[in-house]
Amino acid sequence: MNDKLVCIVDDDLEVRDSLSLMLGLKGFDCRTYNSGNAFLSAPPTKPCCLILDLKMGEMDGLTLQKKINDINLPLEIIFLTAFADVSVMRAAFLNSAVDFLEKPVVMDKVLVALDIAFAKLKLKKDAIEDDFLQDSLTPREKEVFSVVSQGLTHREIGNLLGISPRTVEVHKGRIMEKLGVKTMADLIKRSLKNGK
């Protein structure tokens, strides 16, 4: 059983219920909404994937997507539609939609799209956590971290920064502890990944 939240916004009760049932059987936590306004009035409090109908009476899917982007909710969107056209798909993808699936729904395609959506959510979460951890570094630790990937010895880093090799070693130990890395290789990978 997983705790991945899927929110389904569709003005068609039958579509909402059948998708919710099928995804629930696959272990997803599902919530359904009959309109964009219903979703916006009670948005989820944790990251989720939104399966969104394109054509709805009160507010269409593209409008809801824009409103979600404006308030920066942590979610990924998969569109469903029976009336796809290139310009609409282009607009959806330009606003970061994960996929655009046609009705009637093919569950295998929905599951593939959900895998992609949840992978994107995890990458975003990891990036936010990484930024938070790096913000916990002192200015001197940030300086040491920025030169770690250059392959310099403690003495060379000390000479570059005007501190002793022992101080470099202490800072490096604190950096590794704060960033949650166990090996020098992991620290160098992290430093290179962040362009430090």
Protein backbone atom coordinates (compact mmCIF):
# COMPACT_ATOMS: atom_id res chain seq x y z
CA MET A 1 0.00 0.00 0.00
CA ASN A 2 1.41 3.44 -0.84
CA ASP A 3 0.40 6.83 0.47
CA LYS A 4 0.64 8.65 -2.86
CA LEU A 5 -2.22 11.11 -3.11
CA VAL A 6 -4.11 11.43 -6.40
CA CYS A 7 -6.73 14.16 -6.75
CA ILE A 8 -9.25 13.75 -9.55
CA VAL A 9 -11.02 16.86 -10.83
CA ASP A 10 -13.76 16.07 -13.33
CA ASP A 11 -17.36 17.24 -13.63
CA ASP A 12 -18.39 13.74 -14.75
CA LEU A 13 -19.34 11.68 -11.67
CA GLU A 14 -18.89 8.39 -13.50
CA VAL A 15 -15.33 9.25 -14.54
CA ARG A 16 -14.44 10.43 -11.03
CA ASP A 17 -15.84 7.33 -9.37
CA SER A 18 -14.37 4.80 -11.79
CA LEU A 19 -10.89 6.38 -11.75
CA SER A 20 -10.97 6.66 -7.97
CA LEU A 21 -12.01 3.03 -7.62
CA MET A 22 -9.40 1.71 -10.07
CA LEU A 23 -6.58 3.77 -8.55
CA GLY A 24 -7.71 2.89 -5.03
CA LEU A 25 -7.38 -0.79 -5.93
CA LYS A 26 -3.79 -0.03 -7.02
CA GLY A 27 -3.08 1.41 -3.58
CA PHE A 28 -3.38 5.12 -4.26
CA ASP A 29 -5.05 7.51 -1.82
CA CYS A 30 -7.69 9.25 -3.98
CA ARG A 31 -9.76 12.39 -3.48
CA THR A 32 -12.34 13.58 -5.98
CA TYR A 33 -13.63 17.04 -6.86
CA ASN A 34 -16.49 17.94 -9.19
CA SER A 35 -15.02 21.29 -10.28
CA GLY A 36 -11.97 23.49 -10.27
CA ASN A 37 -13.51 25.74 -7.63
CA ALA A 38 -14.22 22.74 -5.39
CA PHE A 39 -10.53 21.79 -5.65
CA LEU A 40 -9.31 25.34 -4.97
CA SER A 41 -11.61 25.70 -1.96
CA ALA A 42 -10.16 22.56 -0.32
CA PRO A 43 -6.73 21.83 -1.83
CA PRO A 44 -4.65 18.97 -0.44
CA THR A 45 -2.16 19.76 2.29
CA LYS A 46 0.53 17.46 0.89
CA PRO A 47 2.12 17.03 -2.55
CA CYS A 48 -0.07 15.12 -4.98
CA CYS A 49 -0.78 14.26 -8.56
CA LEU A 50 -3.82 15.91 -10.09
CA ILE A 51 -5.77 14.11 -12.80
CA LEU A 52 -7.62 16.98 -14.42
CA ASP A 53 -10.41 17.05 -16.97
CA LEU A 54 -9.82 19.61 -19.69
CA LYS A 55 -13.44 20.51 -20.48
CA MET A 56 -15.55 21.36 -17.46
CA GLY A 57 -18.50 23.71 -17.30
CA GLU A 58 -17.57 26.11 -14.55
CA MET A 59 -13.79 26.38 -15.07
CA ASP A 60 -11.78 24.53 -17.71
CA GLY A 61 -8.66 22.55 -16.89
CA LEU A 62 -6.21 25.05 -18.38
CA THR A 63 -7.65 27.85 -16.23
CA LEU A 64 -7.36 25.69 -13.12
CA GLN A 65 -3.79 24.76 -14.08
CA LYS A 66 -2.90 28.47 -14.30
CA LYS A 67 -4.49 29.21 -10.93
CA ILE A 68 -2.62 26.30 -9.35
CA ASN A 69 0.67 27.56 -10.81
CA ASP A 70 -0.08 31.08 -9.53
CA ILE A 71 -0.48 29.84 -5.94
CA ASN A 72 2.39 27.37 -6.30
CA LEU A 73 0.72 24.21 -5.01
CA PRO A 74 3.12 21.24 -4.86
CA LEU A 75 1.53 18.98 -7.45
CA GLU A 76 1.90 17.55 -10.93
CA ILE A 77 -0.93 17.56 -13.48
CA ILE A 78 -2.11 14.87 -15.88
CA PHE A 79 -4.85 16.05 -18.23
CA LEU A 80 -7.75 13.92 -19.43
CA THR A 81 -9.85 14.88 -22.41
CA ALA A 82 -12.03 13.62 -25.20
CA PHE A 83 -11.41 16.83 -27.17
CA ALA A 84 -7.65 17.26 -27.57
CA ASP A 85 -6.11 19.66 -30.02
CA VAL A 86 -2.48 20.65 -30.54
CA SER A 87 -2.78 24.23 -29.30
CA VAL A 88 -4.45 23.11 -26.06
CA MET A 89 -1.87 20.38 -25.48
CA ARG A 90 0.92 22.87 -26.18
CA ALA A 91 -0.50 25.30 -23.60
CA ALA A 92 -0.82 22.52 -21.01
CA PHE A 93 2.76 21.31 -21.55
CA LEU A 94 4.16 24.87 -21.49
CA ASN A 95 2.62 25.14 -18.03
CA SER A 96 4.36 21.91 -16.94
CA ALA A 97 1.68 19.25 -17.46
CA VAL A 98 3.08 15.74 -17.13
CA ASP A 99 0.86 14.13 -19.76
CA PHE A 100 -2.28 14.53 -21.83
CA LEU A 101 -4.42 11.38 -21.95
CA GLU A 102 -7.52 10.77 -24.02
CA LYS A 103 -10.83 9.44 -22.74
CA PRO A 104 -11.86 6.72 -22.43
CA VAL A 105 -9.10 6.18 -19.91
CA VAL A 106 -6.57 3.39 -20.44
CA MET A 107 -5.40 2.46 -16.94
CA ASP A 108 -1.91 1.37 -18.02
CA LYS A 109 -1.29 4.83 -19.51
CA VAL A 110 -2.60 6.51 -16.37
CA LEU A 111 -0.26 4.42 -14.21
CA VAL A 112 2.76 5.30 -16.38
CA ALA A 113 1.85 8.99 -16.22
CA LEU A 114 1.44 8.75 -12.43
CA ASP A 115 4.88 7.13 -12.09
CA ILE A 116 6.39 10.05 -14.00
CA ALA A 117 4.41 12.61 -11.98
CA PHE A 118 5.42 11.17 -8.61
CA ALA A 119 9.07 10.92 -9.74
CA LYS A 120 8.94 14.65 -10.60
CA LEU A 121 7.42 15.44 -7.20
CA LYS A 122 10.23 13.51 -5.49
CA LEU A 123 12.90 15.40 -7.44
CA LYS A 124 11.33 18.72 -6.41
CA LYS A 125 11.10 17.61 -2.77
CA ASP A 126 14.74 16.48 -2.78
CA ALA A 127 15.85 19.79 -4.32
CA ILE A 128 13.96 21.77 -1.67
CA GLU A 129 15.46 19.66 1.12
CA ASP A 130 18.93 20.05 -0.42
CA ASP A 131 18.52 23.85 -0.56
CA PHE A 132 17.35 23.88 3.07
CA LEU A 133 20.35 21.81 4.18
CA GLN A 134 22.78 24.03 2.28
CA ASP A 135 21.20 27.11 3.84
CA SER A 136 22.14 25.65 7.24
CA LEU A 137 25.85 25.96 6.39
CA THR A 138 27.84 28.85 7.84
CA PRO A 139 29.49 31.27 5.37
CA ARG A 140 32.88 29.60 5.94
CA GLU A 141 31.39 26.12 5.49
CA LYS A 142 29.86 27.29 2.20
CA GLU A 143 33.31 28.48 1.07
CA VAL A 144 34.86 25.11 1.92
CA PHE A 145 31.97 23.27 0.27
CA SER A 146 32.40 25.33 -2.90
CA VAL A 147 36.01 24.16 -3.39
CA VAL A 148 35.64 20.53 -2.24
CA SER A 149 35.01 19.25 -5.77
CA GLN A 150 38.23 20.79 -7.11
CA GLY A 151 40.32 17.90 -5.80
CA LEU A 152 42.44 20.05 -3.51
CA THR A 153 44.11 18.79 -0.34
CA HIS A 154 43.21 20.21 3.07
CA ARG A 155 46.43 22.26 2.94
CA GLU A 156 45.61 23.64 -0.53
CA ILE A 157 42.05 24.53 0.51
CA GLY A 158 43.45 26.16 3.67
CA ASN A 159 45.94 28.22 1.64
CA LEU A 160 43.18 29.26 -0.76
CA LEU A 161 40.83 30.33 2.04
CA GLY A 162 43.46 31.57 4.54
CA ILE A 163 42.72 28.95 7.20
CA SER A 164 44.64 25.98 8.63
CA PRO A 165 44.36 22.46 7.16
CA ARG A 166 42.92 21.29 10.51
CA THR A 167 40.20 23.99 10.31
CA VAL A 168 39.39 22.82 6.77
CA GLU A 169 39.05 19.27 8.10
CA VAL A 170 36.72 20.40 10.91
CA HIS A 171 34.57 22.41 8.49
CA LYS A 172 34.39 19.48 6.09
CA GLY A 173 33.24 17.19 8.90
CA ARG A 174 30.51 19.66 9.89
CA ILE A 175 29.42 20.07 6.26
CA MET A 176 29.13 16.30 5.83
CA GLU A 177 27.10 16.03 9.04
CA LYS A 178 24.74 18.89 8.09
CA LEU A 179 24.21 17.59 4.54
CA GLY A 180 23.75 14.01 5.73
CA VAL A 181 26.54 12.55 3.60
CA LYS A 182 28.75 9.73 4.88
CA THR A 183 31.66 9.62 2.44
CA MET A 184 33.96 12.06 0.72
CA ALA A 185 32.73 10.72 -2.63
CA ASP A 186 29.15 11.65 -1.71
CA LEU A 187 30.26 15.13 -0.64
CA ILE A 188 32.09 15.68 -3.93
CA LYS A 189 29.06 14.42 -5.90
CA ARG A 190 26.81 16.82 -3.97
CA SER A 191 29.21 19.71 -4.55
CA LEU A 192 29.42 18.99 -8.30
CA LYS A 193 25.64 18.52 -8.62
CA ASN A 194 24.99 21.90 -7.11
CA GLY A 195 27.63 23.62 -9.19
CA LYS A 196 29.37 24.76 -6.05
